[in-house]
Amino acid sequence: MKTKVWLTIVLSGLLCLTSLAQEKKNYIWSYEGKKRTNTIGLYGSVSGTYSTVMDNSANWLGYKAGLVFNQHWGIGFAGSALNYDKNLDRLVANGTYRLEAGYSGLFLEYIVPLKDKAKLSFSWTTGMGLAQYVYNKEFKENKLWYEEIIDQERFAANELAAEFMFRLAGNWWLGVQGSYRDTSPVELIETADDIFEQFNVGISIKYGIF
């Protein structure tokens, strides 16, 4: 019974989105305000950006999910995870380890529509993150779970970004973005406090009605 209810809800949602897409609306809901009709849209996106960590190439994989009010103001959740596959060995006598890091939080965005097929946006993401040095899998044997982590540190992150988006087809958008990340000191052992304070460039894929 529950399965049928969920299927009905999902199908109804898909039919609603399909109907909106066919009508080429740039919002999902609308309501009457004191002086104007206000609209609410939404989108979800994934992104990949290039940066450097300890003078080596690195990538950040990110996501965003948010609401857009009146086609201009966006707010929602965002996060990024570091993809850094370099094996490290400076801090240990035996074995190798890797650097893991990620952060998540809220974002605020201002969007400038450029006709129907392009948009420009400026955003600020703020949140908290975790960075740690962890032994590689082959060197975790015979270690207790808390011994697998060499060092760990929490940090605050703020990222300012600009993005140019253009419509691929329907409600799919491709974005080209640039950003700068600022963090609180990341006090890992023998590591620069500003290890993640870097410029980033990358692309995003977005699906939304906004």
Protein backbone atom coordinates (compact mmCIF):
# COMPACT_ATOMS: atom_id res chain seq x y z
CA MET A 1 0.00 0.00 0.00
CA LYS A 2 2.77 2.42 0.96
CA THR A 3 4.59 1.63 -2.29
CA LYS A 4 1.50 2.57 -4.31
CA VAL A 5 1.15 5.84 -2.39
CA TRP A 6 4.80 6.79 -3.03
CA LEU A 7 4.52 5.84 -6.70
CA THR A 8 1.44 8.03 -7.01
CA ILE A 9 3.26 10.98 -5.39
CA VAL A 10 6.36 10.57 -7.58
CA LEU A 11 4.32 10.21 -10.78
CA SER A 12 2.24 13.26 -9.88
CA GLY A 13 5.42 15.26 -9.29
CA LEU A 14 6.91 14.16 -12.60
CA LEU A 15 3.71 15.04 -14.45
CA CYS A 16 3.72 18.45 -12.79
CA LEU A 17 7.34 19.12 -13.80
CA THR A 18 6.67 17.86 -17.34
CA SER A 19 3.67 20.14 -17.64
CA LEU A 20 5.69 23.13 -16.46
CA ALA A 21 8.51 22.31 -18.86
CA GLN A 22 6.08 22.12 -21.78
CA GLU A 23 4.67 25.52 -20.83
CA LYS A 24 8.25 26.84 -20.63
CA LYS A 25 7.71 28.43 -17.25
CA ASN A 26 10.71 29.56 -15.23
CA TYR A 27 9.05 28.84 -11.88
CA ILE A 28 7.16 26.04 -10.16
CA TRP A 29 5.00 27.93 -7.69
CA SER A 30 3.65 31.46 -7.58
CA TYR A 31 1.75 33.51 -5.03
CA GLU A 32 0.30 36.98 -4.85
CA GLY A 33 2.22 39.51 -2.80
CA LYS A 34 1.14 43.01 -1.78
CA LYS A 35 2.54 44.64 -4.91
CA ARG A 36 3.34 41.80 -7.34
CA THR A 37 3.10 38.13 -8.17
CA ASN A 38 6.05 36.30 -6.63
CA THR A 39 7.52 33.12 -8.08
CA ILE A 40 9.52 30.23 -6.65
CA GLY A 41 11.72 27.92 -8.72
CA LEU A 42 14.23 25.27 -7.78
CA TYR A 43 17.32 23.51 -9.09
CA GLY A 44 19.93 20.91 -8.27
CA SER A 45 23.47 20.79 -9.65
CA VAL A 46 26.74 18.89 -9.50
CA SER A 47 30.12 20.40 -10.29
CA GLY A 48 33.79 19.64 -10.68
CA THR A 49 36.49 22.25 -10.13
CA TYR A 50 40.25 22.29 -10.54
CA SER A 51 42.55 23.69 -7.88
CA THR A 52 45.88 22.96 -6.24
CA VAL A 53 46.76 21.43 -2.88
CA MET A 54 50.36 21.48 -1.62
CA ASP A 55 51.46 22.56 -5.11
CA ASN A 56 49.81 19.51 -6.71
CA SER A 57 46.73 19.28 -8.92
CA ALA A 58 43.49 18.56 -7.09
CA ASN A 59 39.77 18.45 -7.81
CA TRP A 60 36.74 19.36 -5.75
CA LEU A 61 33.43 17.62 -6.39
CA GLY A 62 30.46 19.73 -5.39
CA TYR A 63 26.68 19.88 -5.24
CA LYS A 64 23.99 22.53 -4.79
CA ALA A 65 20.26 22.28 -4.18
CA GLY A 66 18.16 25.35 -3.67
CA LEU A 67 15.11 27.53 -4.21
CA VAL A 68 15.06 30.59 -6.47
CA PHE A 69 12.77 33.50 -5.65
CA ASN A 70 11.52 35.80 -8.41
CA GLN A 71 14.19 34.45 -10.81
CA HIS A 72 16.91 36.37 -8.95
CA TRP A 73 17.58 35.24 -5.38
CA GLY A 74 18.69 31.69 -4.66
CA ILE A 75 19.19 30.01 -1.30
CA GLY A 76 19.89 26.41 -0.36
CA PHE A 77 22.41 23.75 0.62
CA ALA A 78 25.86 23.21 -0.87
CA GLY A 79 28.90 21.06 -0.27
CA SER A 80 32.27 20.07 -1.71
CA ALA A 81 34.58 17.08 -1.28
CA LEU A 82 38.28 16.98 -2.12
CA ASN A 83 39.54 14.47 -4.68
CA TYR A 84 43.28 14.26 -4.02
CA ASP A 85 44.82 10.89 -4.88
CA LYS A 86 48.46 11.59 -4.06
CA ASN A 87 50.09 9.11 -1.65
CA LEU A 88 51.87 10.85 1.23
CA ASP A 89 54.50 9.49 3.62
CA ARG A 90 56.21 12.41 5.35
CA LEU A 91 54.46 12.05 8.72
CA VAL A 92 54.85 8.30 9.24
CA ALA A 93 57.78 5.92 9.43
CA ASN A 94 55.99 2.97 7.81
CA GLY A 95 53.29 3.17 5.19
CA THR A 96 51.52 5.87 3.20
CA TYR A 97 48.44 7.95 3.82
CA ARG A 98 46.12 10.31 1.98
CA LEU A 99 44.48 13.67 2.60
CA GLU A 100 40.69 13.75 2.84
CA ALA A 101 38.61 16.91 3.17
CA GLY A 102 35.14 18.26 2.61
CA TYR A 103 32.73 20.92 3.80
CA SER A 104 29.03 21.71 3.57
CA GLY A 105 26.69 24.52 4.49
CA LEU A 106 24.35 27.12 3.05
CA PHE A 107 24.62 29.31 -0.02
CA LEU A 108 23.11 32.63 -1.06
CA GLU A 109 23.01 33.51 -4.75
CA TYR A 110 22.04 36.42 -6.98
CA ILE A 111 21.07 35.46 -10.53
CA VAL A 112 20.99 37.76 -13.56
CA PRO A 113 18.89 36.31 -16.43
CA LEU A 114 20.42 36.97 -19.85
CA LYS A 115 17.46 36.40 -22.18
CA ASP A 116 16.02 32.87 -22.18
CA LYS A 117 19.14 30.78 -22.78
CA ALA A 118 21.76 32.24 -20.44
CA LYS A 119 22.17 33.34 -16.84
CA LEU A 120 24.94 34.89 -14.77
CA SER A 121 25.16 34.27 -11.04
CA PHE A 122 27.17 35.41 -8.04
CA SER A 123 27.13 33.29 -4.89
CA TRP A 124 28.47 33.00 -1.37
CA THR A 125 28.74 29.59 0.31
CA THR A 126 29.50 29.33 4.02
CA GLY A 127 29.82 26.20 6.12
CA MET A 128 31.96 23.89 8.21
CA GLY A 129 34.35 21.18 7.08
CA LEU A 130 36.65 18.38 8.16
CA ALA A 131 40.18 17.58 6.99
CA GLN A 132 42.17 14.50 7.96
CA TYR A 133 45.19 12.39 7.15
CA VAL A 134 44.18 8.71 6.87
CA TYR A 135 46.33 5.64 6.27
CA ASN A 136 45.86 3.99 2.90
CA LYS A 137 43.88 0.76 2.93
CA GLU A 138 46.85 -1.59 2.72
CA PHE A 139 48.38 -0.07 5.87
CA LYS A 140 45.24 -0.18 8.03
CA GLU A 141 45.64 -3.85 8.90
CA ASN A 142 46.30 -4.58 12.59
CA LYS A 143 45.29 -1.01 13.50
CA LEU A 144 42.35 -0.07 15.69
CA TRP A 145 39.79 2.26 14.05
CA TYR A 146 41.10 5.35 15.86
CA GLU A 147 44.68 4.53 14.82
CA GLU A 148 43.76 4.71 11.13
CA ILE A 149 43.54 8.52 11.36
CA ILE A 150 46.89 10.26 11.75
CA ASP A 151 45.49 13.74 12.32
CA GLN A 152 42.13 15.46 11.99
CA GLU A 153 40.95 19.08 12.07
CA ARG A 154 37.65 20.93 11.64
CA PHE A 155 37.53 24.26 9.83
CA ALA A 156 35.16 26.98 8.66
CA ALA A 157 34.91 27.67 4.93
CA ASN A 158 33.63 30.60 2.86
CA GLU A 159 33.59 30.53 -0.93
CA LEU A 160 32.75 33.37 -3.31
CA ALA A 161 31.89 32.31 -6.86
CA ALA A 162 30.76 33.62 -10.23
CA GLU A 163 29.14 31.39 -12.83
CA PHE A 164 27.95 31.76 -16.41
CA MET A 165 25.20 29.29 -17.36
CA PHE A 166 23.64 28.51 -20.70
CA ARG A 167 20.74 26.24 -21.50
CA LEU A 168 21.67 22.89 -23.05
CA ALA A 169 18.15 21.63 -23.67
CA GLY A 170 14.87 21.87 -21.81
CA ASN A 171 15.67 22.43 -18.15
CA TRP A 172 19.31 21.33 -18.38
CA TRP A 173 22.03 23.96 -17.95
CA LEU A 174 25.81 23.89 -18.34
CA GLY A 175 27.83 26.31 -16.20
CA VAL A 176 31.39 27.63 -16.28
CA GLN A 177 32.51 28.92 -12.89
CA GLY A 178 35.35 30.52 -11.00
CA SER A 179 35.66 30.90 -7.24
CA TYR A 180 37.92 31.68 -4.32
CA ARG A 181 37.82 29.69 -1.07
CA ASP A 182 38.77 31.17 2.29
CA THR A 183 39.03 29.04 5.44
CA SER A 184 39.88 29.28 9.09
CA PRO A 185 43.36 27.91 9.91
CA VAL A 186 43.56 24.18 9.12
CA GLU A 187 45.94 23.05 11.85
CA LEU A 188 46.98 19.63 10.61
CA ILE A 189 50.46 18.39 11.56
CA GLU A 190 53.23 20.05 9.51
CA THR A 191 50.68 21.51 7.11
CA ALA A 192 50.17 25.10 5.98
CA ASP A 193 47.18 26.69 7.74
CA ASP A 194 45.91 28.05 4.42
CA ILE A 195 46.17 24.77 2.51
CA PHE A 196 42.66 25.11 1.01
CA GLU A 197 42.71 28.86 0.36
CA GLN A 198 42.88 28.73 -3.42
CA PHE A 199 41.27 29.92 -6.64
CA ASN A 200 39.16 27.30 -8.41
CA VAL A 201 37.82 26.94 -11.95
CA GLY A 202 35.39 24.35 -13.24
CA ILE A 203 32.09 23.36 -14.78
CA SER A 204 28.65 22.39 -13.50
CA ILE A 205 25.61 20.54 -14.75
CA LYS A 206 22.31 21.84 -13.47
CA TYR A 207 18.69 20.73 -13.76
CA GLY A 208 16.04 23.16 -12.67
CA ILE A 209 13.08 25.38 -13.38
CA PHE A 210 14.17 28.82 -12.25
